[in-house]
Protein backbone atom coordinates (compact mmCIF):
# COMPACT_ATOMS: atom_id res chain seq x y z
CA MET A 1 -16.05 -0.44 18.50
CA SER A 2 -13.46 0.03 21.20
CA THR A 3 -12.43 3.31 22.76
CA GLN A 4 -10.15 5.39 20.56
CA THR A 5 -6.50 4.55 21.00
CA THR A 6 -4.48 7.36 22.57
CA GLY A 7 -1.15 5.64 23.22
CA THR A 8 1.96 5.34 21.07
CA ILE A 9 1.66 3.71 17.64
CA ALA A 10 4.76 1.95 16.28
CA VAL A 11 5.42 2.07 12.54
CA PHE A 12 7.85 -0.16 10.64
CA GLY A 13 8.55 1.23 7.17
CA ALA A 14 7.99 4.85 8.21
CA THR A 15 10.67 6.17 5.83
CA GLY A 16 8.98 4.59 2.81
CA GLN A 17 6.03 5.61 0.66
CA GLN A 18 3.22 3.67 2.32
CA GLY A 19 4.61 3.77 5.85
CA GLY A 20 5.22 7.48 5.41
CA ALA A 21 1.58 7.97 4.48
CA VAL A 22 0.58 6.13 7.66
CA VAL A 23 2.81 8.42 9.72
CA ASP A 24 1.32 11.49 8.00
CA ALA A 25 -2.22 10.37 8.81
CA LEU A 26 -1.36 9.50 12.41
CA LEU A 27 0.28 12.87 12.98
CA ASP A 28 -2.75 14.56 11.44
CA HIS A 29 -4.70 12.94 14.29
CA LYS A 30 -2.11 14.19 16.84
CA ALA A 31 -1.12 10.59 17.62
CA ARG A 32 2.19 9.68 19.22
CA VAL A 33 4.31 7.79 16.70
CA ARG A 34 7.39 5.63 17.20
CA ALA A 35 9.26 4.78 13.99
CA LEU A 36 11.27 1.56 13.92
CA VAL A 37 14.30 2.39 11.79
CA ARG A 38 17.57 0.73 10.91
CA ASN A 39 19.55 3.98 10.88
CA PRO A 40 18.24 6.79 13.11
CA GLN A 41 20.84 9.15 11.63
CA SER A 42 19.61 8.86 8.07
CA ASP A 43 18.12 11.95 6.46
CA ARG A 44 14.66 10.40 6.26
CA ALA A 45 14.72 9.27 9.89
CA GLN A 46 15.88 12.69 11.03
CA ALA A 47 13.11 14.31 9.02
CA LEU A 48 10.62 12.20 10.98
CA ALA A 49 12.25 13.17 14.27
CA ALA A 50 11.93 16.84 13.31
CA ARG A 51 8.17 16.29 13.10
CA GLY A 52 8.02 14.85 16.60
CA VAL A 53 8.28 11.16 15.74
CA GLU A 54 10.17 9.03 18.28
CA LEU A 55 12.92 6.92 16.69
CA ALA A 56 13.70 3.36 17.80
CA ALA A 57 16.78 1.73 16.32
CA ILE A 58 16.19 -1.89 15.30
CA ARG A 59 17.78 -4.73 13.40
CA ALA A 60 15.49 -7.13 11.60
CA ASP A 61 17.79 -10.04 12.54
CA ASP A 62 17.85 -9.07 16.23
CA PRO A 63 14.63 -10.19 17.99
CA ALA A 64 15.56 -8.39 21.20
CA SER A 65 15.82 -5.02 19.45
CA LEU A 66 12.45 -5.56 17.76
CA ALA A 67 10.67 -6.53 20.98
CA ALA A 68 12.23 -3.60 22.85
CA ALA A 69 11.08 -1.18 20.16
CA LEU A 70 7.52 -2.46 20.52
CA ALA A 71 7.41 -2.25 24.31
CA THR A 72 4.39 -0.36 25.67
CA VAL A 73 2.90 0.56 22.29
CA GLU A 74 -0.86 0.34 21.77
CA GLY A 75 -0.71 -0.37 18.07
CA PHE A 76 1.81 -1.54 15.49
CA TYR A 77 1.77 -1.07 11.72
CA PHE A 78 4.21 -2.90 9.53
CA MET A 79 4.82 -3.67 5.92
CA THR A 80 7.52 -5.81 4.39
CA PRO A 81 10.03 -4.79 1.70
CA GLU A 82 8.77 -5.25 -1.85
CA ALA A 83 10.45 -8.30 -3.33
CA ASN A 84 11.84 -8.30 -6.87
CA SER A 85 13.35 -11.80 -6.86
CA LEU A 86 12.72 -15.16 -5.24
CA GLU A 87 15.63 -14.53 -2.85
CA GLU A 88 14.03 -11.27 -1.77
CA VAL A 89 10.70 -13.09 -1.30
CA GLU A 90 12.39 -15.39 1.21
CA ALA A 91 13.93 -12.39 3.00
CA GLU A 92 10.52 -10.68 3.09
CA ILE A 93 8.99 -13.69 4.83
CA ARG A 94 11.81 -13.79 7.38
CA ILE A 95 11.36 -10.10 8.22
CA GLY A 96 7.57 -10.37 8.44
CA THR A 97 7.77 -13.42 10.67
CA ALA A 98 10.31 -11.73 12.95
CA LEU A 99 8.09 -8.66 13.33
CA VAL A 100 5.05 -10.75 14.21
CA ASP A 101 7.05 -12.75 16.77
CA ALA A 102 8.37 -9.51 18.30
CA ALA A 103 4.80 -8.17 18.59
CA VAL A 104 3.83 -11.34 20.42
CA GLU A 105 6.82 -10.99 22.75
CA ALA A 106 5.93 -7.36 23.47
CA GLY A 107 2.23 -8.09 23.90
CA VAL A 108 1.11 -5.49 21.33
CA PRO A 109 -2.68 -4.98 21.64
CA HIS A 110 -3.36 -4.45 17.91
CA VAL A 111 -1.27 -5.11 14.80
CA VAL A 112 -2.09 -3.83 11.31
CA PHE A 113 -0.24 -5.55 8.45
CA ASN A 114 0.02 -3.79 5.10
CA SER A 115 -0.53 -6.78 2.84
CA VAL A 116 -1.73 -7.01 -0.78
CA PHE A 117 -4.99 -7.77 -2.56
CA GLY A 118 -5.67 -11.48 -2.88
CA ALA A 119 -3.42 -12.42 0.05
CA ASP A 120 -6.29 -14.30 1.69
CA ARG A 121 -5.26 -17.19 -0.59
CA GLU A 122 -2.23 -18.47 -2.47
CA SER A 123 -2.27 -16.86 -5.91
CA GLY A 124 0.92 -18.15 -7.49
CA VAL A 125 2.41 -14.64 -7.46
CA PRO A 126 5.57 -15.13 -5.32
CA HIS A 127 5.69 -11.61 -3.86
CA HIS A 128 1.96 -11.79 -3.09
CA ASP A 129 2.09 -15.28 -1.63
CA SER A 130 4.85 -14.12 0.72
CA LYS A 131 2.32 -11.75 2.26
CA HIS A 132 -0.24 -14.56 2.44
CA TRP A 133 2.23 -16.58 4.51
CA ILE A 134 2.92 -13.61 6.77
CA GLU A 135 -0.83 -13.11 7.17
CA GLU A 136 -1.16 -16.77 8.16
CA HIS A 137 1.65 -16.44 10.70
CA LEU A 138 0.00 -13.33 12.12
CA ARG A 139 -3.37 -15.04 12.27
CA LYS A 140 -1.91 -18.00 14.18
CA SER A 141 -0.06 -15.70 16.59
CA GLY A 142 -3.13 -15.00 18.69
CA LEU A 143 -2.67 -11.24 18.32
CA ARG A 144 -5.54 -8.94 17.47
CA ALA A 145 -4.68 -8.31 13.84
CA THR A 146 -6.08 -6.39 10.88
CA MET A 147 -4.96 -6.86 7.28
CA VAL A 148 -5.05 -3.92 4.88
CA ARG A 149 -4.67 -5.34 1.38
CA ALA A 150 -3.37 -2.72 -1.01
CA THR A 151 -4.20 -2.71 -4.71
CA ALA A 152 -2.38 -0.87 -7.52
CA PHE A 153 -1.21 2.63 -6.58
CA MET A 154 -2.73 5.58 -8.43
CA GLU A 155 0.70 7.17 -8.01
CA ASN A 156 2.01 4.73 -10.62
CA PHE A 157 0.24 6.88 -13.22
CA ALA A 158 2.77 9.60 -12.40
CA SER A 159 5.71 7.26 -12.98
CA VAL A 160 5.91 3.73 -14.40
CA MET A 161 2.37 3.70 -15.82
CA ALA A 162 2.22 7.34 -16.92
CA PRO A 163 0.20 8.12 -20.04
CA SER A 164 2.04 9.75 -22.93
CA LEU A 165 1.23 12.53 -25.40
CA GLU A 166 1.36 11.39 -29.00
CA HIS A 167 0.22 13.53 -31.93
CA GLY A 168 -2.18 15.54 -29.82
CA GLU A 169 -3.64 12.48 -28.13
CA ILE A 170 -3.25 11.04 -24.61
CA VAL A 171 -2.19 7.41 -24.90
CA LEU A 172 -2.17 4.89 -22.06
CA ARG A 173 -0.56 1.49 -22.50
CA LEU A 174 -0.72 -1.31 -19.93
CA PRO A 175 -0.28 -5.09 -20.07
CA LEU A 176 -3.95 -5.51 -19.13
CA PRO A 177 -6.92 -6.51 -21.35
CA GLU A 178 -9.08 -3.53 -22.23
CA ASP A 179 -12.22 -5.06 -20.75
CA VAL A 180 -10.67 -5.73 -17.31
CA ALA A 181 -11.02 -3.18 -14.50
CA LEU A 182 -7.87 -2.27 -12.59
CA LYS A 183 -8.39 -1.93 -8.84
CA MET A 184 -6.47 1.03 -7.44
CA ILE A 185 -5.95 3.19 -4.37
CA SER A 186 -4.01 6.36 -3.61
CA VAL A 187 -1.08 6.02 -1.23
CA ARG A 188 -2.54 8.87 0.81
CA ASP A 189 -5.65 6.81 1.44
CA ILE A 190 -3.66 3.73 2.42
CA GLY A 191 -2.31 5.91 5.22
CA ARG A 192 -5.67 7.34 6.19
CA VAL A 193 -7.50 4.02 6.31
CA THR A 194 -4.66 2.42 8.26
CA ALA A 195 -4.54 5.27 10.77
CA ALA A 196 -8.27 4.98 11.41
CA LEU A 197 -7.87 1.27 12.13
CA LEU A 198 -4.85 1.79 14.40
CA LEU A 199 -6.61 4.53 16.35
CA ASP A 200 -9.78 2.44 16.68
CA THR A 201 -11.97 5.07 15.06
CA ALA A 202 -13.01 2.40 12.55
CA GLU A 203 -12.98 -1.36 12.14
CA ALA A 204 -12.39 -3.63 9.15
CA PRO A 205 -15.17 -6.16 8.53
CA GLY A 206 -13.81 -9.62 9.32
CA GLY A 207 -10.41 -8.21 10.24
CA ALA A 208 -9.35 -7.37 6.69
CA VAL A 209 -10.07 -4.73 4.07
CA GLU A 210 -9.18 -4.65 0.39
CA LEU A 211 -8.02 -1.12 -0.32
CA VAL A 212 -9.83 -0.05 -3.47
CA GLY A 213 -10.61 3.59 -4.15
CA ASP A 214 -11.63 3.02 -7.76
CA GLU A 215 -11.72 0.32 -10.40
CA LEU A 216 -11.69 1.26 -14.07
CA THR A 217 -10.83 -0.40 -17.37
CA GLY A 218 -7.89 0.80 -19.43
CA PRO A 219 -10.09 2.84 -21.80
CA GLN A 220 -11.84 4.45 -18.82
CA ILE A 221 -8.50 5.35 -17.22
CA ALA A 222 -7.24 6.84 -20.49
CA ALA A 223 -10.46 8.83 -20.84
CA ALA A 224 -10.05 10.27 -17.34
CA PHE A 225 -6.58 11.59 -18.20
CA GLY A 226 -7.79 12.82 -21.59
CA ALA A 227 -10.65 14.74 -19.98
CA ARG A 228 -8.23 16.40 -17.57
CA ALA A 229 -5.93 17.39 -20.45
CA GLY A 230 -8.79 18.44 -22.73
CA LEU A 231 -7.49 16.04 -25.38
CA PRO A 232 -8.69 12.86 -27.07
CA ALA A 233 -7.43 9.67 -25.46
CA ARG A 234 -6.96 6.03 -26.33
CA TYR A 235 -5.86 2.85 -24.63
CA GLU A 236 -3.60 0.11 -25.96
CA ALA A 237 -3.46 -3.27 -24.23
CA LEU A 238 0.08 -4.64 -24.29
CA PRO A 239 1.21 -8.28 -24.10
CA LEU A 240 2.71 -9.53 -20.84
CA SER A 241 5.98 -10.07 -22.70
CA VAL A 242 6.77 -6.34 -22.36
CA LEU A 243 7.26 -6.81 -18.62
CA PRO A 244 10.87 -7.21 -17.44
CA ASN A 245 10.55 -10.27 -15.19
CA ASP A 246 8.39 -13.22 -14.24
CA LEU A 247 7.28 -11.62 -10.96
CA ASP A 248 5.76 -8.65 -12.79
CA LYS A 249 4.11 -10.95 -15.33
CA ALA A 250 2.55 -12.99 -12.54
CA MET A 251 1.37 -9.79 -10.84
CA PHE A 252 -0.40 -8.46 -13.94
CA ARG A 253 -2.04 -11.85 -14.47
CA GLU A 254 -3.36 -11.46 -10.93
CA PHE A 255 -4.54 -7.91 -11.72
CA ALA A 256 -6.55 -9.35 -14.61
CA THR A 257 -8.01 -12.12 -12.47
CA ALA A 258 -8.91 -9.74 -9.64
CA GLY A 259 -10.57 -7.37 -12.10
CA GLU A 260 -13.16 -10.02 -12.93
CA CYS A 261 -14.68 -9.63 -9.44
CA PRO A 262 -16.04 -6.13 -8.69
CA SER A 263 -15.16 -4.63 -5.30
CA ASP A 264 -17.51 -2.98 -2.86
CA LEU A 265 -16.08 0.54 -2.94
CA ALA A 266 -18.33 1.54 -0.03
CA VAL A 267 -16.27 -0.58 2.39
CA VAL A 268 -13.19 1.65 2.20
CA ARG A 269 -15.31 4.80 2.23
CA SER A 270 -17.03 3.65 5.39
CA ILE A 271 -13.58 3.86 7.03
CA GLU A 272 -12.28 6.94 5.16
CA PRO A 273 -15.17 8.87 3.54
CA ALA A 274 -12.78 11.15 1.61
CA THR A 275 -11.11 8.27 -0.25
CA LEU A 276 -10.13 9.47 -3.72
CA ASP A 277 -11.38 7.96 -6.96
CA LEU A 278 -9.08 8.32 -9.98
CA VAL A 279 -10.63 11.54 -11.28
CA GLU A 280 -10.30 13.10 -7.82
CA TRP A 281 -6.69 11.88 -7.55
CA ILE A 282 -5.84 13.38 -10.94
CA ARG A 283 -7.31 16.71 -9.83
CA ALA A 284 -5.79 16.60 -6.31
CA THR A 285 -2.27 15.94 -7.61
CA GLY A 286 -2.47 18.65 -10.25
CA TRP A 287 -1.66 16.20 -13.05
CA THR A 288 -1.07 17.82 -16.41
CA ALA A 289 -0.42 16.31 -19.80
CA PRO A 290 3.24 15.67 -20.71
CA THR A 291 4.81 18.64 -22.47
CA THR A 292 7.07 16.44 -24.56
CA VAL A 293 5.58 14.31 -27.30
CA ALA A 294 6.52 10.65 -26.94
CA GLY A 295 9.28 9.65 -29.32
CA SER A 296 10.42 13.22 -29.96
């Protein structure tokens, strides 16, 4: 392992959920952080500046601004915007390619790309394959690169995948077969693992790590929430047809395929020993059962 990095770390996506978690973890380690932002005057950018983060104004379509923002940094983290259409997939690839090329131009010593599980191959999921192509471009760039491949966010159970309360019972519904384990990670731990890699306090085996803090079937997930609430729980597997678009349907098919191959949870914990499993995440976030009965 190399000597711990002490120079400035550049972060693209610092005002978002995952990039923000990376900034949090870096600042916890007293690292110097430079955020690459489109609008330094935005509320989110100014909130970063108030915490001591250096702001560098960039335009994704301006290679010179990207290279200038990466000058003299010792590490660079980036993620690409989540795509919700084929047009956005194409834009994501353009942005990712431009960022890699700028890192080459600036001679960045280490780049960490926030990718997605399964991006080591083409999966047929357009907004996953886009990250595969960016990974390939990064690999061919000659840069020292590490891929962190995120799985489903535990935070989704507080929003789009939240369990409901129905007739005194916790009910979880997902478009996932009940015998398939969902791989998941907390956003906090995406930040912590990434920071450790950027600061060279840890290394990813083979230059990539699949970010999995837990993997549980639907009934096991429902039971975890039921135990927290002190209520009975059940799981209902939904058909893919409930999903709003083809991209989401392709993603949940990939979730089901990925669930057939168990992950080595020790890999992530070797980088961040305090990585949360789902029960720990539920407790850490203070989750409580909904106070309103579904359908009421």
